[in-house]
Amino acid sequence: MKNVLFFAGLLFLSIQAYAQEFTISGKVTEDGVPVEEVSVYLKSTGAGTLTNADGFYSLTLEKGTYTLIFSYGNKKIRKISLNEDMVVNVDLSGAEESLEEVFLSSVRVNAESPITYSNMTNEEIEDRNLGQDIPVLMNYMPNVVTTTDAGAGVGYTSIRVRGSDATRVNVTINGIPYNDAESQGAFWVDLPDFASSVQNLQLQRGVGTSTNGAGAFGASLNILTDSYKEEAQAEIANSIGSYNTFKHTLKFSTGLLNDHWEIAGRASKIRSDGYIDRADSHMKAYFLQATYVDSNSLVKAIAFGGTEKTYQAWYGIDAETLKNDRTFNPAGMYTDENGNIHFYDNQTDNYKQDNYQLLWNQDFGKHWSSNIAFHYTYGRGYYEEFHEDASLNDYGLPSFIANGEEVTTSDLVGTKWLDNDFYGSVFSLNYKSDNWDMTFGGGWNNYEGNHFGNVIYTRFARNNDPYEPYYEGTADKTDFNIYGKTNFAITQKLAGYVDLQLRTVHYQTDGILDEGVPFINDDNFNFFNPKAGLTYELNEDNQLYLSYARAHREPNRSDYENGDPEPEELNDFELGWRLSKSDIQVNTNLYYMDYQNQLVLTGGIDDEGAFIRENSGNSYRLGLEIDATIGISDKFSIQPNISLSRNKNVDFVSTFNGELVNYGNTEISFSPEIVAGNILNYQPVNGLELKLLSKYVGEQYMSNIEAENSKLDSYFINDFNVQYTLKNPWIFKKVVLTGLVNNIFGVKYVSNGYYYTYNVPNANFPSGVQTFDGAGYYPQATTNFLAGLTLKF
């Protein structure tokens, strides 16, 4: 409770603080209307910031002469001689078109939209980009909880927003859907060091705006990859840290050749032993981009991907092991004939993914623009697993006679493969005038997946082919959506928002599962998702918004494997207030998310570490979110946030001791009532930045029946981040030294886990069955560090 009061007090009391102006600040407008998400950066280095919801920006620069570029669909260049604090306001009306960030205009929102969202700039990403995945870098955003299997942010990582797991967070990269079509998850382990190629990102909480892919059921994450650079540059970034963690990154850009062409790229390598025993990761990645740009067109051909080999760390440990040996990893464990315990060396997950995008933005004049994109993703990989004394029949293998006795079991090694293709196209046509901002768009995407398993080793020799699949199956999923949305002025202060989407899904499977049972499905879904809202400008600094949005979502593959699921429906109501001044920005919103047939996590996991879900009937999430950026002085600022919520299943029914039990209104699993964070920034001198990052997550249940064994304790952790930048030393444009100490107080905490039940016969119970339960935990790392050196040419 003390931690909650600390964050609440910090947030509300500090709102009265006052900050001095930054060296260069001002507003960016177009036809008198503030423009958000305008890139304001130095032509020489590309360093800069984004305008906020009120069109405001600020930069701190040393004395000198600079060329500033203001870019967001339009581009305006200002040459500034800096000898004192300055206010530079820019009007983009009639400026030269560059179309740099229009890729995301169809899926992102701005200050005129009644949507709850947060942005993360390239500078904020770079501060802590030392090898950890994007979910870990997003940990301090409002109402976000992250977790990692290996415990230290490298390898398998995941994110929850408003209590909704990663399968509910719809991810797009340059407007193109990234979530796996079948599992609906986003696997960042397949894109190592992708943060090094991200220009900025936007997290929309709730349903958000119409987007491509499966759509948001908790949040939408929209990522824009690196923008083209006008001048040639290169970058070498290396980091080292605890658990033998290393990251090596090489980036380059040719700059604009003949004022039109740019080639850019990145190569990365990451390895880590992980906090958990044997949870090592070996990953490589690449990013290549070719750009053509003129006054009316922007065309990009992008290829990116990665390979990963990670030792499995998704088994978790029980409560007793958590107390006595919290880094223990049971994966690959077996006992030899002498009773000695060993671990299989190659109990690994192996995957390679390649993504290709062709993006074309076109400006047709003052009002019209369009973008169209084609994409293709090829993924293939397997995980390898040792099975002790396994049934030969379960793996399609015949028993045999040895020494006169029938042998029906054997130690063996199996692999489970996934080979898939995902391809399609997305488009949008945009119209913008003084009173209207309209988008008409859609997309068609198709997924083709092959699932199969092989036995590659058995302890006892046999005659049949060891690589003959013991299960095979196919899956095909087609997703089509079309939408129209508009922001429009009703009065000078009141604006409306309407967004209508039609989405159809066809999902078909054939073959058998690894258990040997048939897996045949042929389902069609048709969804209509309306959204509407109002935005009211109280004055220059204050804005109110109100919105309603409906979303539907089809079950994923795991849901079909574990039952007969129904599609979900969500009605999302949001009421918000935004304050935006030069020294303080505050975002406050109330939300009520009403679900029908929500697929909630049961707490259990399957043999691949994926969470099992079930329809819960009626359920809801009701919450308050507040986040702020507050300048206390020209050297101090804070970024507090707090989220308070109630997350309930209504009249939840489940089986226990062989009987159907109505538990009444219960907590939704993995949904803490309190999530809070803060970033304290201190810049004692130019070039040096110190940050204390704090995160509090309240207690939560891993089950939907509030079982005591399923409770995860609350935790409060702190990280310390330091960055020192040297400008123009020797042959470099910049030399950046970065340090990050995670969990500086060494808190032993658990951010994730699973809960399960099992029945045993017992004649003393009316049903003849008694239910027992258990839990597994994923402990996170205690104090650990990362340090990096970046050389920019």
Foldseek 3Di string as FASTA:
>chain_A
DVVVVVQVCCVVVQQPFDADAAQEKEFEEEPPQTDWQWFKAFQVFRDGDTAAQLRMGHDHDDFAWTWIWTDDQFIDIDIDGRDGRDYDYHYRYPGFGWNQQVLCVQQDDGNLDQFDKDKFALVLLVQPLAWAFPLVSCCAPWQKFKDALLFARAAFIWMDHLLHTQLQAFEDESQHTQQDQFQSHHGRNWATSQSVFWRMKMKTADQGADGDGQGHHGIYIYTYTHTARQDWKKKWKWKAWPQGWIKTKIKIKRHDDVNFKMKIKMKMWIWGCGQAHNFIKTKIKMKIWIWGTDRWKIKIKIKITMKMKTADRLPFAFPVCCVPPVRYGCFQWDADPVRDIDGDNQQIWIKIKMKIKIKMKGHDDDWKIKIKMKMKMWMKTKGKGKDAFAFLVLQVHDWDDDPRDTRGTWTFMKIKMKTKMKIWMKMWMWTDDPFKTKIKIKIKMKMKMKIWMFIPDTPDDDDDDRGDTSWIKMKMKIKIKIKMKMWGDPDPFKIKIKIKMKMKMWIFMFIADSSGHTQTDTDIDIDIKIKMKMKGDPDSFKIKMKMKIKHKGDDHPLQSVVDDADIKIKIKIKIWMWGDDSFKIKIKMKMKIKMAQDFFFQQDADPSSHTHTGGFGIWMKTKMKMWMWGRNYNFKIKIKIKMAMATWRAQGWDDFQRDIDRLGIFGGFSRFRMKIKMWIWGDPDPQKIKIKIKIKTAKGASHRNPDPQRIFHIDIFIKIKIKGWDAPDDPFRIKIKIKMKTRVVFDWGFNGWGKDKDWDADPVGPSRIHIDMTMGTSIHGGIMMMIMIMTMD
